[in-house]
Amino acid sequence: MAADDRLNDPQTGDELLARRLRDAHRRVRALALPQEEQARLARRLLAICDVAKRDIAHAAARLDAFIAYLDGTFDTPSRRNMPHGD
């Protein structure tokens, strides 16, 4: 039996989050990015895993934002995206 066999059919929120984290880790490893950027994303994902130990709901929300960032659909503005004068 593979280590992640029981994650194939998640039954609880914990198991669903575990599967999503596993998939996100695989996705980050598969990205063709410079090593520094890939390491930054991996550290961000590890921080989400650390939060999951204490607060599943908060970790799930952070993972949603992380995946949106990977998908390019992250909509939180940053100073880099604002026009001058705003």
C-alpha atoms as a PDB file:
ATOM      1  CA  MET A   1       0.000   0.000   0.000  1.00  0.00           C
ATOM      2  CA  ALA A   2       1.372   3.401  -0.996  1.00  0.00           C
ATOM      3  CA  ALA A   3       1.744   6.059   1.668  1.00  0.00           C
ATOM      4  CA  ASP A   4      -0.905   8.251   0.080  1.00  0.00           C
ATOM      5  CA  ASP A   5      -3.491   5.587  -0.806  1.00  0.00           C
ATOM      6  CA  ARG A   6      -5.910   6.701   1.859  1.00  0.00           C
ATOM      7  CA  LEU A   7      -5.794  10.237   0.447  1.00  0.00           C
ATOM      8  CA  ASN A   8      -7.332   9.142  -2.844  1.00  0.00           C
ATOM      9  CA  ASP A   9     -10.875   9.330  -1.459  1.00  0.00           C
ATOM     10  CA  PRO A  10     -10.866  12.064   1.198  1.00  0.00           C
ATOM     11  CA  GLN A  11     -13.585  11.786   3.818  1.00  0.00           C
ATOM     12  CA  THR A  12     -12.800  14.640   6.205  1.00  0.00           C
ATOM     13  CA  GLY A  13     -11.585  18.220   5.924  1.00  0.00           C
ATOM     14  CA  ASP A  14      -8.197  17.120   7.237  1.00  0.00           C
ATOM     15  CA  GLU A  15      -7.814  14.507   4.517  1.00  0.00           C
ATOM     16  CA  LEU A  16      -8.989  16.878   1.799  1.00  0.00           C
ATOM     17  CA  LEU A  17      -6.488  19.507   2.922  1.00  0.00           C
ATOM     18  CA  ALA A  18      -3.730  16.881   3.046  1.00  0.00           C
ATOM     19  CA  ARG A  19      -4.480  15.843  -0.528  1.00  0.00           C
ATOM     20  CA  ARG A  20      -4.541  19.463  -1.717  1.00  0.00           C
ATOM     21  CA  LEU A  21      -1.227  20.173   0.023  1.00  0.00           C
ATOM     22  CA  ARG A  22       0.309  17.075  -1.563  1.00  0.00           C
ATOM     23  CA  ASP A  23      -0.904  18.174  -4.995  1.00  0.00           C
ATOM     24  CA  ALA A  24       0.406  21.705  -4.445  1.00  0.00           C
ATOM     25  CA  HIS A  25       3.826  20.333  -3.448  1.00  0.00           C
ATOM     26  CA  ARG A  26       3.922  18.254  -6.622  1.00  0.00           C
ATOM     27  CA  ARG A  27       2.881  21.239  -8.693  1.00  0.00           C
ATOM     28  CA  VAL A  28       5.591  23.492  -7.232  1.00  0.00           C
ATOM     29  CA  ARG A  29       8.265  20.832  -7.839  1.00  0.00           C
ATOM     30  CA  ALA A  30       7.140  20.522 -11.477  1.00  0.00           C
ATOM     31  CA  LEU A  31       7.357  24.258 -12.235  1.00  0.00           C
ATOM     32  CA  ALA A  32      10.069  25.380 -14.621  1.00  0.00           C
ATOM     33  CA  LEU A  33      11.272  28.358 -12.584  1.00  0.00           C
ATOM     34  CA  PRO A  34      14.626  29.652 -11.422  1.00  0.00           C
ATOM     35  CA  GLN A  35      15.795  27.805  -8.328  1.00  0.00           C
ATOM     36  CA  GLU A  36      15.362  30.877  -6.095  1.00  0.00           C
ATOM     37  CA  GLU A  37      11.720  31.347  -7.124  1.00  0.00           C
ATOM     38  CA  GLN A  38      10.941  27.667  -6.727  1.00  0.00           C
ATOM     39  CA  ALA A  39      12.543  27.696  -3.264  1.00  0.00           C
ATOM     40  CA  ARG A  40      10.472  30.756  -2.296  1.00  0.00           C
ATOM     41  CA  LEU A  41       7.264  29.001  -3.335  1.00  0.00           C
ATOM     42  CA  ALA A  42       8.294  25.845  -1.472  1.00  0.00           C
ATOM     43  CA  ARG A  43       8.940  27.871   1.710  1.00  0.00           C
ATOM     44  CA  ARG A  44       5.554  29.536   1.371  1.00  0.00           C
ATOM     45  CA  LEU A  45       3.916  26.145   1.019  1.00  0.00           C
ATOM     46  CA  LEU A  46       5.794  24.810   4.054  1.00  0.00           C
ATOM     47  CA  ALA A  47       4.473  27.760   6.061  1.00  0.00           C
ATOM     48  CA  ILE A  48       0.943  26.741   5.060  1.00  0.00           C
ATOM     49  CA  CYS A  49       1.684  23.178   6.197  1.00  0.00           C
ATOM     50  CA  ASP A  50       2.863  24.548   9.540  1.00  0.00           C
ATOM     51  CA  VAL A  51      -0.365  26.543   9.965  1.00  0.00           C
ATOM     52  CA  ALA A  52      -2.368  23.386   9.186  1.00  0.00           C
ATOM     53  CA  LYS A  53      -1.045  21.825  12.401  1.00  0.00           C
ATOM     54  CA  ARG A  54      -2.933  24.429  14.422  1.00  0.00           C
ATOM     55  CA  ASP A  55      -5.778  25.779  12.265  1.00  0.00           C
ATOM     56  CA  ILE A  56      -7.199  23.736   9.381  1.00  0.00           C
ATOM     57  CA  ALA A  57      -9.596  26.451   8.197  1.00  0.00           C
ATOM     58  CA  HIS A  58      -6.896  29.125   8.087  1.00  0.00           C
ATOM     59  CA  ALA A  59      -4.507  26.784   6.288  1.00  0.00           C
ATOM     60  CA  ALA A  60      -7.196  25.959   3.720  1.00  0.00           C
ATOM     61  CA  ALA A  61      -7.783  29.661   3.077  1.00  0.00           C
ATOM     62  CA  ARG A  62      -4.050  30.291   2.681  1.00  0.00           C
ATOM     63  CA  LEU A  63      -3.767  27.295   0.360  1.00  0.00           C
ATOM     64  CA  ASP A  64      -6.634  28.659  -1.760  1.00  0.00           C
ATOM     65  CA  ALA A  65      -4.735  31.957  -2.106  1.00  0.00           C
ATOM     66  CA  PHE A  66      -1.491  30.100  -2.903  1.00  0.00           C
ATOM     67  CA  ILE A  67      -3.147  28.045  -5.643  1.00  0.00           C
ATOM     68  CA  ALA A  68      -4.800  31.184  -7.048  1.00  0.00           C
ATOM     69  CA  TYR A  69      -1.339  32.762  -7.177  1.00  0.00           C
ATOM     70  CA  LEU A  70       0.018  29.743  -9.066  1.00  0.00           C
ATOM     71  CA  ASP A  71      -2.950  29.887 -11.455  1.00  0.00           C
ATOM     72  CA  GLY A  72      -2.390  33.598 -12.029  1.00  0.00           C
ATOM     73  CA  THR A  73      -5.831  34.500 -10.680  1.00  0.00           C
ATOM     74  CA  PHE A  74      -4.681  36.060  -7.407  1.00  0.00           C
ATOM     75  CA  ASP A  75      -6.586  39.346  -7.220  1.00  0.00           C
ATOM     76  CA  THR A  76      -5.077  41.105  -4.222  1.00  0.00           C
ATOM     77  CA  PRO A  77      -3.449  44.285  -5.514  1.00  0.00           C
ATOM     78  CA  SER A  78       0.104  45.112  -4.623  1.00  0.00           C
ATOM     79  CA  ARG A  79       2.070  48.340  -4.929  1.00  0.00           C
ATOM     80  CA  ARG A  80       3.774  46.978  -8.045  1.00  0.00           C
ATOM     81  CA  ASN A  81       0.410  46.746  -9.834  1.00  0.00           C
ATOM     82  CA  MET A  82      -0.876  50.224  -8.944  1.00  0.00           C
ATOM     83  CA  PRO A  83      -0.480  53.130 -11.335  1.00  0.00           C
ATOM     84  CA  HIS A  84       1.598  56.113 -10.235  1.00  0.00           C
ATOM     85  CA  GLY A  85      -0.325  58.680  -8.231  1.00  0.00           C
ATOM     86  CA  ASP A  86      -2.654  56.219  -6.508  1.00  0.00           C
END
